[in-house]
Amino acid sequence: MIEIKNIYKSFGNKKVLSGVNMTIPKGDTYCVIGKSGSGKSVLLKIMIGILKPDKGDIIFDGLDIHQLDKKQSFEVRKKIGFVFQGAALFDSMTVFENTIISMYEHGIRDINTLEKEAIRVLSAVSLLPEMDQRNSDYFLKEWEMLKNKKPSDLSGGMRKRVGVARALVGKPEYIFYDEPTTGLDPVTSEQIDNMIAELAKKLKVTSVVITHDMFSVYRIADNISLLHNGKVYFSGNVEKLKNSNDNIVKEFIKRFS
């Protein structure tokens, strides 16, 4: 479970977050929505420890991430996978190299270990065939073709899937998605949403999705928080959101649907 308690953050005289509170249940797919400038991305950076709040606590399974020493913080962050907006793949690296870069950075050099994990996560995001086909000539051909591709060889949807696969390395308990469908066409956006939902169900991870795409919210969210003027203005499930008579909520839904 993730608890966000009374988070404040300002940059100079600009107040961005003014007492944000959320509780994200284990196994939830939790969407944080809001207009540009509402503080979604700042909150996300605070949640993963990139930014420090001026005040407040971010608690993962009883541990406040901003009160830990470096070793403890590293152990918590190993439980977190992060999917960047636009996937943020390294252009000069192959799909295989992009996928296992965190393992390589941690000193793992055994090619069999690296390939096994790459195959596992790339299969999880449906870029490779299912398990029962892995010893077939067809699978080996598909693996050889995919592993050596560069990001420039991939469609937008495939790049996003590789970014998600990279986040799955090491079997994290939490996955954070930053605007996962931005820049994608409606069909590809729906495919990415379906993948997020399937991964949450299959891998039993807790997913936090930062987005303003209401179509995505309706497809994947268990619960939702709307940020407005630096605070949580609305919290609830999809049905409660759709049925809200609040003017600010209705205006947001209309604008981003």
C-alpha atoms as a PDB file:
ATOM      1  CA  MET A   1       0.000   0.000   0.000  1.00  0.00           C
ATOM      2  CA  ILE A   2       1.122   3.564  -0.721  1.00  0.00           C
ATOM      3  CA  GLU A   3       0.106   6.368   1.615  1.00  0.00           C
ATOM      4  CA  ILE A   4       0.524  10.005   0.568  1.00  0.00           C
ATOM      5  CA  LYS A   5       0.170  12.212   3.615  1.00  0.00           C
ATOM      6  CA  ASN A   6      -0.199  15.999   3.575  1.00  0.00           C
ATOM      7  CA  ILE A   7       2.283  16.668   0.758  1.00  0.00           C
ATOM      8  CA  TYR A   8       3.306  20.272   0.120  1.00  0.00           C
ATOM      9  CA  LYS A   9       5.689  21.457  -2.601  1.00  0.00           C
ATOM     10  CA  SER A  10       6.564  24.932  -3.862  1.00  0.00           C
ATOM     11  CA  PHE A  11       9.123  26.248  -6.313  1.00  0.00           C
ATOM     12  CA  GLY A  12      10.018  29.734  -5.145  1.00  0.00           C
ATOM     13  CA  ASN A  13       6.768  31.636  -4.738  1.00  0.00           C
ATOM     14  CA  LYS A  14       4.828  29.135  -6.864  1.00  0.00           C
ATOM     15  CA  LYS A  15       2.789  26.679  -4.792  1.00  0.00           C
ATOM     16  CA  VAL A  16       2.295  23.423  -6.689  1.00  0.00           C
ATOM     17  CA  LEU A  17       0.993  20.996  -4.048  1.00  0.00           C
ATOM     18  CA  SER A  18      -0.874  22.224  -0.987  1.00  0.00           C
ATOM     19  CA  GLY A  19      -1.649  19.278   1.267  1.00  0.00           C
ATOM     20  CA  VAL A  20      -2.182  16.249  -1.001  1.00  0.00           C
ATOM     21  CA  ASN A  21      -3.526  13.086   0.643  1.00  0.00           C
ATOM     22  CA  MET A  22      -4.136   9.725  -1.054  1.00  0.00           C
ATOM     23  CA  THR A  23      -4.201   6.064  -0.108  1.00  0.00           C
ATOM     24  CA  ILE A  24      -3.415   3.645  -2.945  1.00  0.00           C
ATOM     25  CA  PRO A  25      -4.455   0.074  -2.062  1.00  0.00           C
ATOM     26  CA  LYS A  26      -2.206  -2.838  -2.905  1.00  0.00           C
ATOM     27  CA  GLY A  27      -3.030  -4.267  -6.328  1.00  0.00           C
ATOM     28  CA  ASP A  28      -4.958  -1.178  -7.450  1.00  0.00           C
ATOM     29  CA  THR A  29      -4.620   0.560 -10.775  1.00  0.00           C
ATOM     30  CA  TYR A  30      -4.844   4.117  -9.500  1.00  0.00           C
ATOM     31  CA  CYS A  31      -5.141   7.050 -11.894  1.00  0.00           C
ATOM     32  CA  VAL A  32      -4.077  10.559 -10.933  1.00  0.00           C
ATOM     33  CA  ILE A  33      -5.695  13.087 -13.250  1.00  0.00           C
ATOM     34  CA  GLY A  34      -5.657  16.854 -13.576  1.00  0.00           C
ATOM     35  CA  LYS A  35      -5.026  19.703 -15.989  1.00  0.00           C
ATOM     36  CA  SER A  36      -1.526  20.685 -17.088  1.00  0.00           C
ATOM     37  CA  GLY A  37       0.160  22.444 -14.191  1.00  0.00           C
ATOM     38  CA  SER A  38      -2.021  20.751 -11.575  1.00  0.00           C
ATOM     39  CA  GLY A  39       1.011  19.049  -9.992  1.00  0.00           C
ATOM     40  CA  LYS A  40       0.599  15.492 -11.308  1.00  0.00           C
ATOM     41  CA  SER A  41       4.177  15.096 -12.500  1.00  0.00           C
ATOM     42  CA  VAL A  42       5.598  16.831  -9.414  1.00  0.00           C
ATOM     43  CA  LEU A  43       3.647  14.433  -7.188  1.00  0.00           C
ATOM     44  CA  LEU A  44       4.939  11.474  -9.202  1.00  0.00           C
ATOM     45  CA  LYS A  45       8.553  12.630  -8.789  1.00  0.00           C
ATOM     46  CA  ILE A  46       8.018  13.029  -5.057  1.00  0.00           C
ATOM     47  CA  MET A  47       6.486   9.546  -4.855  1.00  0.00           C
ATOM     48  CA  ILE A  48       9.537   7.896  -6.404  1.00  0.00           C
ATOM     49  CA  GLY A  49      12.009  10.016  -4.469  1.00  0.00           C
ATOM     50  CA  ILE A  50      13.365  12.238  -7.260  1.00  0.00           C
ATOM     51  CA  LEU A  51      11.992  15.353  -5.538  1.00  0.00           C
ATOM     52  CA  LYS A  52      11.716  15.955  -1.815  1.00  0.00           C
ATOM     53  CA  PRO A  53       8.495  17.487  -0.480  1.00  0.00           C
ATOM     54  CA  ASP A  54       8.569  20.670   1.561  1.00  0.00           C
ATOM     55  CA  LYS A  55       6.306  18.878   4.009  1.00  0.00           C
ATOM     56  CA  GLY A  56       4.531  15.524   4.254  1.00  0.00           C
ATOM     57  CA  ASP A  57       5.236  11.807   3.939  1.00  0.00           C
ATOM     58  CA  ILE A  58       5.285   9.176   1.180  1.00  0.00           C
ATOM     59  CA  ILE A  59       4.927   5.745   2.767  1.00  0.00           C
ATOM     60  CA  PHE A  60       5.479   2.433   0.953  1.00  0.00           C
ATOM     61  CA  ASP A  61       4.380  -0.546   3.044  1.00  0.00           C
ATOM     62  CA  GLY A  62       5.011   1.353   6.271  1.00  0.00           C
ATOM     63  CA  LEU A  63       8.332   2.958   5.239  1.00  0.00           C
ATOM     64  CA  ASP A  64       8.611   6.700   4.588  1.00  0.00           C
ATOM     65  CA  ILE A  65      10.742   6.880   1.425  1.00  0.00           C
ATOM     66  CA  HIS A  66      12.074  10.329   2.289  1.00  0.00           C
ATOM     67  CA  GLN A  67      13.259   9.293   5.764  1.00  0.00           C
ATOM     68  CA  LEU A  68      15.379   6.327   4.654  1.00  0.00           C
ATOM     69  CA  ASP A  69      19.152   6.171   4.303  1.00  0.00           C
ATOM     70  CA  LYS A  70      20.669   5.462   0.871  1.00  0.00           C
ATOM     71  CA  LYS A  71      20.751   1.689   1.319  1.00  0.00           C
ATOM     72  CA  GLN A  72      17.153   1.507   2.558  1.00  0.00           C
ATOM     73  CA  SER A  73      15.985   3.872  -0.178  1.00  0.00           C
ATOM     74  CA  PHE A  74      17.672   1.703  -2.809  1.00  0.00           C
ATOM     75  CA  GLU A  75      15.872  -1.382  -1.505  1.00  0.00           C
ATOM     76  CA  VAL A  76      12.492   0.378  -1.761  1.00  0.00           C
ATOM     77  CA  ARG A  77      13.228   1.697  -5.241  1.00  0.00           C
ATOM     78  CA  LYS A  78      14.047  -1.820  -6.435  1.00  0.00           C
ATOM     79  CA  LYS A  79      10.348  -2.542  -5.889  1.00  0.00           C
ATOM     80  CA  ILE A  80       9.354   0.266  -8.272  1.00  0.00           C
ATOM     81  CA  GLY A  81       9.233   0.162 -12.076  1.00  0.00           C
ATOM     82  CA  PHE A  82       8.887   3.442 -13.957  1.00  0.00           C
ATOM     83  CA  VAL A  83       7.497   3.953 -17.467  1.00  0.00           C
ATOM     84  CA  PHE A  84       8.524   7.310 -18.885  1.00  0.00           C
ATOM     85  CA  GLN A  85       6.357   9.459 -21.114  1.00  0.00           C
ATOM     86  CA  GLY A  86       7.397   8.577 -24.670  1.00  0.00           C
ATOM     87  CA  ALA A  87       9.180   5.424 -23.357  1.00  0.00           C
ATOM     88  CA  ALA A  88      12.582   7.256 -23.228  1.00  0.00           C
ATOM     89  CA  LEU A  89      14.516   4.469 -24.936  1.00  0.00           C
ATOM     90  CA  PHE A  90      18.197   4.964 -25.775  1.00  0.00           C
ATOM     91  CA  ASP A  91      18.419   5.448 -29.543  1.00  0.00           C
ATOM     92  CA  SER A  92      21.881   3.892 -29.857  1.00  0.00           C
ATOM     93  CA  MET A  93      20.886   0.693 -28.022  1.00  0.00           C
ATOM     94  CA  THR A  94      19.027  -2.354 -29.272  1.00  0.00           C
ATOM     95  CA  VAL A  95      15.734  -3.546 -27.807  1.00  0.00           C
ATOM     96  CA  PHE A  96      17.649  -6.152 -25.808  1.00  0.00           C
ATOM     97  CA  GLU A  97      20.122  -3.588 -24.449  1.00  0.00           C
ATOM     98  CA  ASN A  98      17.366  -1.106 -23.582  1.00  0.00           C
ATOM     99  CA  THR A  99      15.412  -3.794 -21.767  1.00  0.00           C
ATOM    100  CA  ILE A 100      18.163  -5.120 -19.514  1.00  0.00           C
ATOM    101  CA  ILE A 101      20.099  -1.908 -18.893  1.00  0.00           C
ATOM    102  CA  SER A 102      19.268  -1.842 -15.173  1.00  0.00           C
ATOM    103  CA  MET A 103      20.630  -5.373 -14.724  1.00  0.00           C
ATOM    104  CA  TYR A 104      23.800  -4.422 -16.583  1.00  0.00           C
ATOM    105  CA  GLU A 105      24.193  -1.322 -14.400  1.00  0.00           C
ATOM    106  CA  HIS A 106      23.956  -3.575 -11.337  1.00  0.00           C
ATOM    107  CA  GLY A 107      26.884  -5.642 -12.578  1.00  0.00           C
ATOM    108  CA  ILE A 108      25.073  -8.617 -14.124  1.00  0.00           C
ATOM    109  CA  ARG A 109      27.017  -9.810 -17.179  1.00  0.00           C
ATOM    110  CA  ASP A 110      25.922 -13.427 -17.686  1.00  0.00           C
ATOM    111  CA  ILE A 111      24.306 -13.420 -21.132  1.00  0.00           C
ATOM    112  CA  ASN A 112      21.966 -16.319 -20.336  1.00  0.00           C
ATOM    113  CA  THR A 113      20.632 -14.527 -17.256  1.00  0.00           C
ATOM    114  CA  LEU A 114      20.184 -11.290 -19.197  1.00  0.00           C
ATOM    115  CA  GLU A 115      18.453 -12.984 -22.133  1.00  0.00           C
ATOM    116  CA  LYS A 116      16.162 -15.002 -19.869  1.00  0.00           C
ATOM    117  CA  GLU A 117      14.910 -11.861 -18.112  1.00  0.00           C
ATOM    118  CA  ALA A 118      14.578  -9.922 -21.388  1.00  0.00           C
ATOM    119  CA  ILE A 119      12.523 -12.734 -22.886  1.00  0.00           C
ATOM    120  CA  ARG A 120      10.322 -12.894 -19.781  1.00  0.00           C
ATOM    121  CA  VAL A 121       9.437  -9.210 -19.755  1.00  0.00           C
ATOM    122  CA  LEU A 122       9.149  -8.784 -23.532  1.00  0.00           C
ATOM    123  CA  SER A 123       6.781 -11.761 -23.591  1.00  0.00           C
ATOM    124  CA  ALA A 124       4.768 -10.179 -20.764  1.00  0.00           C
ATOM    125  CA  VAL A 125       4.090  -7.131 -22.968  1.00  0.00           C
ATOM    126  CA  SER A 126       3.216  -9.333 -25.970  1.00  0.00           C
ATOM    127  CA  LEU A 127       6.274  -8.534 -28.086  1.00  0.00           C
ATOM    128  CA  LEU A 128       7.254 -12.227 -28.107  1.00  0.00           C
ATOM    129  CA  PRO A 129       5.225 -15.458 -28.355  1.00  0.00           C
ATOM    130  CA  GLU A 130       3.876 -17.302 -25.337  1.00  0.00           C
ATOM    131  CA  MET A 131       5.907 -19.616 -23.088  1.00  0.00           C
ATOM    132  CA  ASP A 132       4.937 -22.892 -24.767  1.00  0.00           C
ATOM    133  CA  GLN A 133       6.453 -21.735 -28.064  1.00  0.00           C
ATOM    134  CA  ARG A 134       9.853 -20.714 -26.725  1.00  0.00           C
ATOM    135  CA  ASN A 135      11.801 -23.699 -27.966  1.00  0.00           C
ATOM    136  CA  SER A 136      10.384 -23.543 -31.462  1.00  0.00           C
ATOM    137  CA  ASP A 137      12.196 -22.261 -34.538  1.00  0.00           C
ATOM    138  CA  TYR A 138       9.454 -19.646 -34.854  1.00  0.00           C
ATOM    139  CA  PHE A 139      10.155 -18.251 -31.390  1.00  0.00           C
ATOM    140  CA  LEU A 140      13.915 -18.164 -31.916  1.00  0.00           C
ATOM    141  CA  LYS A 141      13.441 -16.329 -35.210  1.00  0.00           C
ATOM    142  CA  GLU A 142      11.126 -13.766 -33.561  1.00  0.00           C
ATOM    143  CA  TRP A 143      13.568 -13.276 -30.681  1.00  0.00           C
ATOM    144  CA  GLU A 144      16.549 -12.729 -32.984  1.00  0.00           C
ATOM    145  CA  MET A 145      14.574 -10.217 -35.040  1.00  0.00           C
ATOM    146  CA  LEU A 146      13.320  -8.264 -32.030  1.00  0.00           C
ATOM    147  CA  LYS A 147      16.429  -8.233 -29.831  1.00  0.00           C
ATOM    148  CA  ASN A 148      18.565  -6.471 -32.435  1.00  0.00           C
ATOM    149  CA  LYS A 149      16.076  -3.793 -33.464  1.00  0.00           C
ATOM    150  CA  LYS A 150      16.784  -0.167 -32.594  1.00  0.00           C
ATOM    151  CA  PRO A 151      14.045   2.202 -31.320  1.00  0.00           C
ATOM    152  CA  SER A 152      13.944   3.837 -34.756  1.00  0.00           C
ATOM    153  CA  ASP A 153      12.799   0.485 -36.179  1.00  0.00           C
ATOM    154  CA  LEU A 154       9.766   0.349 -33.866  1.00  0.00           C
ATOM    155  CA  SER A 155       6.293   1.859 -34.003  1.00  0.00           C
ATOM    156  CA  GLY A 156       5.165   4.184 -31.218  1.00  0.00           C
ATOM    157  CA  GLY A 157       3.182   1.401 -29.599  1.00  0.00           C
ATOM    158  CA  MET A 158       6.115  -1.026 -29.728  1.00  0.00           C
ATOM    159  CA  ARG A 159       8.452   1.556 -28.196  1.00  0.00           C
ATOM    160  CA  LYS A 160       5.958   2.027 -25.376  1.00  0.00           C
ATOM    161  CA  ARG A 161       5.819  -1.740 -24.817  1.00  0.00           C
ATOM    162  CA  VAL A 162       9.610  -1.956 -24.640  1.00  0.00           C
ATOM    163  CA  GLY A 163       9.526   0.869 -22.077  1.00  0.00           C
ATOM    164  CA  VAL A 164       7.019  -1.120 -20.009  1.00  0.00           C
ATOM    165  CA  ALA A 165       9.090  -4.298 -20.390  1.00  0.00           C
ATOM    166  CA  ARG A 166      12.138  -2.439 -19.040  1.00  0.00           C
ATOM    167  CA  ALA A 167      10.070  -1.352 -16.033  1.00  0.00           C
ATOM    168  CA  LEU A 168       9.116  -4.986 -15.341  1.00  0.00           C
ATOM    169  CA  VAL A 169      12.714  -6.176 -14.999  1.00  0.00           C
ATOM    170  CA  GLY A 170      13.320  -7.514 -11.506  1.00  0.00           C
ATOM    171  CA  LYS A 171       9.627  -8.153 -10.815  1.00  0.00           C
ATOM    172  CA  PRO A 172       8.681  -4.819  -9.177  1.00  0.00           C
ATOM    173  CA  GLU A 173       5.694  -4.578  -6.843  1.00  0.00           C
ATOM    174  CA  TYR A 174       4.772  -1.085  -8.079  1.00  0.00           C
ATOM    175  CA  ILE A 175       4.717   0.355 -11.601  1.00  0.00           C
ATOM    176  CA  PHE A 176       4.417   4.081 -12.238  1.00  0.00           C
ATOM    177  CA  TYR A 177       3.240   5.251 -15.654  1.00  0.00           C
ATOM    178  CA  ASP A 178       3.770   8.860 -16.749  1.00  0.00           C
ATOM    179  CA  GLU A 179       1.196   9.729 -19.446  1.00  0.00           C
ATOM    180  CA  PRO A 180       1.419   6.255 -21.066  1.00  0.00           C
ATOM    181  CA  THR A 181      -0.852   7.012 -24.041  1.00  0.00           C
ATOM    182  CA  THR A 182       0.350  10.520 -24.924  1.00  0.00           C
ATOM    183  CA  GLY A 183       1.109  10.850 -28.640  1.00  0.00           C
ATOM    184  CA  LEU A 184      -0.470   7.533 -29.589  1.00  0.00           C
ATOM    185  CA  ASP A 185      -3.374   7.011 -31.970  1.00  0.00           C
ATOM    186  CA  PRO A 186      -6.692   5.805 -30.470  1.00  0.00           C
ATOM    187  CA  VAL A 187      -6.215   2.176 -31.509  1.00  0.00           C
ATOM    188  CA  THR A 188      -2.687   1.953 -30.088  1.00  0.00           C
ATOM    189  CA  SER A 189      -3.800   3.815 -26.949  1.00  0.00           C
ATOM    190  CA  GLU A 190      -6.461   1.183 -26.339  1.00  0.00           C
ATOM    191  CA  GLN A 191      -3.883  -1.586 -26.823  1.00  0.00           C
ATOM    192  CA  ILE A 192      -1.563   0.025 -24.266  1.00  0.00           C
ATOM    193  CA  ASP A 193      -4.463   0.432 -21.821  1.00  0.00           C
ATOM    194  CA  ASN A 194      -5.388  -3.226 -22.241  1.00  0.00           C
ATOM    195  CA  MET A 195      -1.761  -4.183 -21.606  1.00  0.00           C
ATOM    196  CA  ILE A 196      -1.651  -2.107 -18.394  1.00  0.00           C
ATOM    197  CA  ALA A 197      -4.839  -3.777 -17.164  1.00  0.00           C
ATOM    198  CA  GLU A 198      -3.633  -7.260 -18.100  1.00  0.00           C
ATOM    199  CA  LEU A 199      -0.261  -6.770 -16.390  1.00  0.00           C
ATOM    200  CA  ALA A 200      -1.925  -5.524 -13.214  1.00  0.00           C
ATOM    201  CA  LYS A 201      -4.125  -8.615 -13.134  1.00  0.00           C
ATOM    202  CA  LYS A 202      -1.504 -11.151 -14.209  1.00  0.00           C
ATOM    203  CA  LEU A 203       1.470  -9.848 -12.206  1.00  0.00           C
ATOM    204  CA  LYS A 204      -0.562  -8.482  -9.275  1.00  0.00           C
ATOM    205  CA  VAL A 205       1.346  -5.195  -9.273  1.00  0.00           C
ATOM    206  CA  THR A 206       0.123  -1.895  -7.882  1.00  0.00           C
ATOM    207  CA  SER A 207      -0.075   0.582 -10.776  1.00  0.00           C
ATOM    208  CA  VAL A 208      -0.076   4.370 -10.525  1.00  0.00           C
ATOM    209  CA  VAL A 209      -0.984   6.102 -13.787  1.00  0.00           C
ATOM    210  CA  ILE A 210      -0.539   9.836 -14.342  1.00  0.00           C
ATOM    211  CA  THR A 211      -2.811  10.889 -17.195  1.00  0.00           C
ATOM    212  CA  HIS A 212      -5.434  13.292 -18.483  1.00  0.00           C
ATOM    213  CA  ASP A 213      -6.764  10.809 -21.064  1.00  0.00           C
ATOM    214  CA  MET A 214     -10.277  10.049 -19.832  1.00  0.00           C
ATOM    215  CA  PHE A 215     -10.727   7.162 -22.258  1.00  0.00           C
ATOM    216  CA  SER A 216      -7.744   5.472 -20.589  1.00  0.00           C
ATOM    217  CA  VAL A 217      -9.120   6.231 -17.132  1.00  0.00           C
ATOM    218  CA  TYR A 218     -12.440   4.579 -17.964  1.00  0.00           C
ATOM    219  CA  ARG A 219     -10.671   1.471 -19.286  1.00  0.00           C
ATOM    220  CA  ILE A 220      -8.098   0.838 -16.567  1.00  0.00           C
ATOM    221  CA  ALA A 221      -8.831   2.688 -13.305  1.00  0.00           C
ATOM    222  CA  ASP A 222      -9.896   1.015 -10.092  1.00  0.00           C
ATOM    223  CA  ASN A 223      -9.763   4.371  -8.323  1.00  0.00           C
ATOM    224  CA  ILE A 224      -9.056   7.959  -9.328  1.00  0.00           C
ATOM    225  CA  SER A 225      -7.882  11.202  -7.744  1.00  0.00           C
ATOM    226  CA  LEU A 226      -8.342  14.566  -9.470  1.00  0.00           C
ATOM    227  CA  LEU A 227      -5.809  17.260  -8.580  1.00  0.00           C
ATOM    228  CA  HIS A 228      -7.055  20.843  -8.640  1.00  0.00           C
ATOM    229  CA  ASN A 229      -5.360  23.938  -7.194  1.00  0.00           C
ATOM    230  CA  GLY A 230      -2.714  21.805  -5.519  1.00  0.00           C
ATOM    231  CA  LYS A 231      -5.127  19.545  -3.650  1.00  0.00           C
ATOM    232  CA  VAL A 232      -7.078  16.349  -4.203  1.00  0.00           C
ATOM    233  CA  TYR A 233     -10.422  17.729  -5.350  1.00  0.00           C
ATOM    234  CA  PHE A 234     -12.094  14.375  -6.080  1.00  0.00           C
ATOM    235  CA  SER A 235     -11.422  10.733  -5.160  1.00  0.00           C
ATOM    236  CA  GLY A 236     -13.457   7.700  -6.103  1.00  0.00           C
ATOM    237  CA  ASN A 237     -14.053   5.023  -8.708  1.00  0.00           C
ATOM    238  CA  VAL A 238     -15.044   5.424 -12.360  1.00  0.00           C
ATOM    239  CA  GLU A 239     -18.773   5.221 -11.665  1.00  0.00           C
ATOM    240  CA  LYS A 240     -18.568   7.927  -9.012  1.00  0.00           C
ATOM    241  CA  LEU A 241     -16.523  10.120 -11.356  1.00  0.00           C
ATOM    242  CA  LYS A 242     -18.958   9.734 -14.250  1.00  0.00           C
ATOM    243  CA  ASN A 243     -21.958  10.454 -12.038  1.00  0.00           C
ATOM    244  CA  SER A 244     -20.477  13.481 -10.293  1.00  0.00           C
ATOM    245  CA  ASN A 245     -22.565  16.657 -10.464  1.00  0.00           C
ATOM    246  CA  ASP A 246     -19.641  18.858  -9.443  1.00  0.00           C
ATOM    247  CA  ASN A 247     -18.989  21.534 -12.083  1.00  0.00           C
ATOM    248  CA  ILE A 248     -15.187  21.285 -11.932  1.00  0.00           C
ATOM    249  CA  VAL A 249     -15.294  17.510 -12.317  1.00  0.00           C
ATOM    250  CA  LYS A 250     -17.826  17.714 -15.165  1.00  0.00           C
ATOM    251  CA  GLU A 251     -15.775  20.386 -16.942  1.00  0.00           C
ATOM    252  CA  PHE A 252     -12.609  18.288 -16.696  1.00  0.00           C
ATOM    253  CA  ILE A 253     -14.350  15.185 -18.072  1.00  0.00           C
ATOM    254  CA  LYS A 254     -15.857  17.176 -20.937  1.00  0.00           C
ATOM    255  CA  ARG A 255     -12.539  18.770 -21.845  1.00  0.00           C
ATOM    256  CA  PHE A 256     -10.469  15.582 -21.879  1.00  0.00           C
ATOM    257  CA  SER A 257     -12.980  13.074 -23.278  1.00  0.00           C
END
